[in-house]
Amino acid sequence: MIENHTTLARRYSTILIATFCLLLAMTPAEAQNKIITANPTPNANPPVTIKQITLSGKAVELGAPLAASDDWLDDLSITVENSSGKSVVYLDLVLSFAHINEGGPSLVLPLSFGQVSGAPNAVGKTEILAPGASTTITIGKRANSLKQALSDHQHQSDKLNVYITTALFEDGIIWRNSSEGHPDPSHPLRWNIKGAGGNLHAER
């Protein structure tokens, strides 16, 4: 009788341990703190502004630590608003991942909205962001390529800064890095951008 009770107790112990291990395996990866900012610097007064960044459908408090899983980029969305008086057909945004070690290099990855008419990769109807209108840019399927880039560079980051570098208007004028440019008559996909260093050429 004593032997039977001992055997039964061992069986229950084995079941409890197995159940505990299964629960651990099913527990999501531990969330890590991230800090997200939307900073126009070094590009002051952009014609399109970042109004809100959301993670898993919830608005992010910019500059404040937030808990995020390893797959946090999958659910990241950026809402921008056209604060200019002209329609925008193309935007370049930058996702700048600061290195986890202070002083380490940042990894800068591009994100875009719309398309440049006449460019080799332009297909279908061009999206237009009217004056005062907003649109939400989701990372979506691009998350895998962003995570792969971070992995390839062995880049660990807990801070993300999002800002806009380029806005192309429907009338052909381009804004880039705080300077305005006009189409180059001899090159359909080039703009002459007058900056502190003279005329620059921006190609698409």
Protein backbone atom coordinates (compact mmCIF):
# COMPACT_ATOMS: atom_id res chain seq x y z
CA MET A 1 0.00 0.00 0.00
CA ILE A 2 2.81 2.41 0.89
CA GLU A 3 4.53 1.58 -2.38
CA ASN A 4 1.35 2.36 -4.34
CA HIS A 5 0.99 5.77 -2.67
CA THR A 6 4.63 6.56 -3.40
CA THR A 7 4.24 5.60 -7.05
CA LEU A 8 1.10 7.73 -7.35
CA ALA A 9 2.83 10.72 -5.77
CA ARG A 10 5.71 10.41 -8.22
CA ARG A 11 3.28 10.32 -11.14
CA TYR A 12 1.52 13.48 -9.93
CA SER A 13 4.89 15.22 -9.49
CA THR A 14 5.89 14.28 -13.03
CA ILE A 15 2.59 15.63 -14.40
CA LEU A 16 2.95 18.91 -12.47
CA ILE A 17 6.51 19.45 -13.70
CA ALA A 18 5.53 18.70 -17.30
CA THR A 19 2.57 21.11 -17.06
CA PHE A 20 4.79 23.86 -15.62
CA CYS A 21 7.32 23.44 -18.43
CA LEU A 22 4.54 23.61 -21.03
CA LEU A 23 3.22 26.86 -19.54
CA LEU A 24 6.71 28.36 -19.64
CA ALA A 25 7.05 27.41 -23.31
CA MET A 26 3.72 29.07 -24.08
CA THR A 27 4.62 32.32 -22.29
CA PRO A 28 5.39 35.17 -24.76
CA ALA A 29 8.92 36.55 -24.95
CA GLU A 30 9.65 39.01 -22.16
CA ALA A 31 8.89 42.57 -23.19
CA GLN A 32 11.77 45.02 -23.35
CA ASN A 33 11.59 48.77 -22.87
CA LYS A 34 11.81 50.90 -26.00
CA ILE A 35 11.75 54.66 -26.46
CA ILE A 36 10.19 56.11 -29.63
CA THR A 37 10.50 59.75 -30.67
CA ALA A 38 9.29 61.74 -33.69
CA ASN A 39 11.86 64.43 -34.15
CA PRO A 40 12.04 66.72 -37.21
CA THR A 41 15.64 67.62 -36.41
CA PRO A 42 17.82 68.03 -38.42
CA ASN A 43 14.97 68.82 -40.82
CA ALA A 44 13.13 71.75 -39.27
CA ASN A 45 9.62 72.77 -40.40
CA PRO A 46 8.77 69.81 -42.65
CA PRO A 47 5.68 70.30 -44.85
CA VAL A 48 4.34 66.97 -43.56
CA THR A 49 4.31 66.34 -39.82
CA ILE A 50 4.18 63.16 -37.78
CA LYS A 51 0.97 63.34 -35.76
CA GLN A 52 0.97 59.99 -33.99
CA ILE A 53 2.81 56.71 -33.70
CA THR A 54 0.91 53.64 -32.57
CA LEU A 55 2.04 50.23 -31.38
CA SER A 56 -0.49 47.38 -31.51
CA GLY A 57 -3.24 49.94 -32.06
CA LYS A 58 -2.36 52.05 -29.02
CA ALA A 59 -0.92 55.55 -29.22
CA VAL A 60 2.71 55.78 -28.11
CA GLU A 61 3.73 58.42 -25.59
CA LEU A 62 6.73 59.79 -27.43
CA GLY A 63 9.93 59.89 -25.43
CA ALA A 64 8.59 57.67 -22.65
CA PRO A 65 9.75 54.06 -22.09
CA LEU A 66 7.27 51.45 -23.27
CA ALA A 67 7.19 47.68 -23.07
CA ALA A 68 7.65 46.04 -26.46
CA SER A 69 8.21 42.44 -27.54
CA ASP A 70 10.78 41.25 -30.06
CA ASP A 71 8.13 41.57 -32.78
CA TRP A 72 7.24 45.16 -31.94
CA LEU A 73 8.01 46.44 -35.46
CA ASP A 74 5.22 44.24 -36.88
CA ASP A 75 2.58 46.41 -35.20
CA LEU A 76 4.16 49.85 -35.60
CA SER A 77 2.16 52.51 -37.49
CA ILE A 78 2.97 56.15 -38.25
CA THR A 79 0.26 58.75 -38.93
CA VAL A 80 1.37 61.82 -40.88
CA GLU A 81 -0.50 65.01 -41.77
CA ASN A 82 0.04 67.30 -44.73
CA SER A 83 0.53 70.65 -43.03
CA SER A 84 1.43 72.44 -46.28
CA GLY A 85 -0.92 74.11 -48.72
CA LYS A 86 -0.12 71.72 -51.58
CA SER A 87 -0.88 68.09 -52.40
CA VAL A 88 1.91 65.59 -51.70
CA VAL A 89 2.49 62.53 -53.89
CA TYR A 90 5.60 61.05 -52.29
CA LEU A 91 7.25 60.97 -48.87
CA ASP A 92 10.54 59.65 -47.56
CA LEU A 93 10.68 58.84 -43.86
CA VAL A 94 13.63 57.61 -41.86
CA LEU A 95 13.64 55.10 -39.02
CA SER A 96 16.79 55.81 -37.04
CA PHE A 97 17.67 53.08 -34.54
CA ALA A 98 20.12 54.39 -31.94
CA HIS A 99 22.71 51.88 -30.76
CA ILE A 100 22.06 50.43 -27.32
CA ASN A 101 25.57 51.49 -26.31
CA GLU A 102 25.83 55.26 -25.92
CA GLY A 103 28.04 56.71 -28.63
CA GLY A 104 27.55 53.71 -30.92
CA PRO A 105 26.50 54.24 -34.55
CA SER A 106 22.81 54.51 -35.44
CA LEU A 107 21.26 52.31 -38.10
CA VAL A 108 19.10 54.33 -40.50
CA LEU A 109 16.41 52.55 -42.53
CA PRO A 110 14.03 54.10 -45.09
CA LEU A 111 10.24 54.06 -45.22
CA SER A 112 8.13 55.69 -47.92
CA PHE A 113 4.62 56.70 -48.94
CA GLY A 114 3.31 57.16 -52.49
CA GLN A 115 5.42 57.07 -55.62
CA VAL A 116 7.23 59.30 -58.08
CA SER A 117 5.43 59.49 -61.41
CA GLY A 118 7.67 58.27 -64.23
CA ALA A 119 10.00 56.33 -61.93
CA PRO A 120 10.82 52.75 -63.02
CA ASN A 121 9.05 51.30 -59.97
CA ALA A 122 5.90 53.45 -60.34
CA VAL A 123 2.78 51.33 -60.88
CA GLY A 124 -0.94 52.06 -60.84
CA LYS A 125 -2.56 55.25 -59.65
CA THR A 126 -0.48 57.70 -57.63
CA GLU A 127 -1.71 58.26 -54.07
CA ILE A 128 -2.25 61.89 -53.14
CA LEU A 129 -2.09 63.39 -49.68
CA ALA A 130 -4.21 66.55 -49.91
CA PRO A 131 -3.53 69.67 -47.80
CA GLY A 132 -4.72 69.08 -44.24
CA ALA A 133 -5.27 65.36 -44.87
CA SER A 134 -3.72 62.54 -42.85
CA THR A 135 -2.65 59.02 -43.71
CA THR A 136 -1.29 56.12 -41.69
CA ILE A 137 1.81 54.29 -42.87
CA THR A 138 2.08 50.78 -41.48
CA ILE A 139 5.28 48.80 -41.30
CA GLY A 140 3.38 45.59 -42.07
CA LYS A 141 5.20 43.26 -44.44
CA ARG A 142 8.26 45.50 -44.35
CA ALA A 143 8.87 44.55 -40.71
CA ASN A 144 10.70 41.36 -41.70
CA SER A 145 13.18 43.22 -43.91
CA LEU A 146 13.75 45.84 -41.18
CA LYS A 147 14.37 43.16 -38.56
CA GLN A 148 16.68 41.34 -40.98
CA ALA A 149 18.69 44.53 -41.52
CA LEU A 150 19.04 45.00 -37.76
CA SER A 151 20.13 41.36 -37.43
CA ASP A 152 22.59 41.55 -40.35
CA HIS A 153 24.30 44.55 -38.74
CA GLN A 154 24.15 42.91 -35.29
CA HIS A 155 22.52 46.14 -34.21
CA GLN A 156 20.93 46.24 -30.76
CA SER A 157 18.73 49.24 -30.16
CA ASP A 158 16.25 50.44 -27.57
CA LYS A 159 15.56 53.86 -29.12
CA LEU A 160 13.81 54.70 -32.40
CA ASN A 161 13.60 58.19 -33.88
CA VAL A 162 11.24 58.76 -36.82
CA TYR A 163 11.49 61.80 -39.08
CA ILE A 164 10.67 62.98 -42.61
CA THR A 165 13.44 63.80 -45.09
CA THR A 166 11.63 64.28 -48.42
CA ALA A 167 8.24 65.45 -49.66
CA LEU A 168 7.39 65.64 -53.37
CA PHE A 169 4.44 67.87 -54.27
CA GLU A 170 1.97 67.30 -57.08
CA ASP A 171 3.26 70.42 -58.86
CA GLY A 172 6.74 68.86 -59.13
CA ILE A 173 8.41 70.91 -56.40
CA ILE A 174 10.39 68.87 -53.89
CA TRP A 175 11.26 69.53 -50.24
CA ARG A 176 14.31 67.75 -48.96
CA ASN A 177 16.18 68.26 -45.71
CA SER A 178 14.73 71.75 -45.14
CA SER A 179 15.50 72.94 -48.70
CA GLU A 180 13.22 73.35 -51.71
CA GLY A 181 14.04 72.08 -55.17
CA HIS A 182 12.68 72.49 -58.69
CA PRO A 183 12.60 69.91 -61.49
CA ASP A 184 15.64 69.77 -63.73
CA PRO A 185 14.31 70.41 -67.27
CA SER A 186 16.96 68.15 -68.80
CA HIS A 187 16.41 65.24 -66.39
CA PRO A 188 12.79 64.21 -65.62
CA LEU A 189 13.67 62.49 -62.35
CA ARG A 190 16.13 65.06 -61.01
CA TRP A 191 15.63 68.24 -58.99
CA ASN A 192 17.92 71.18 -58.45
CA ILE A 193 17.91 71.84 -54.72
CA LYS A 194 19.38 75.12 -53.61
CA GLY A 195 21.01 74.75 -50.22
CA ALA A 196 23.82 76.26 -48.24
CA GLY A 197 26.33 74.43 -50.40
CA GLY A 198 24.78 75.47 -53.72
CA ASN A 199 22.62 73.44 -56.08
CA LEU A 200 22.19 69.79 -55.22
CA HIS A 201 20.77 67.07 -57.43
CA ALA A 202 18.16 64.72 -56.01
CA GLU A 203 17.40 61.70 -58.17
CA ARG A 204 14.53 59.23 -58.05
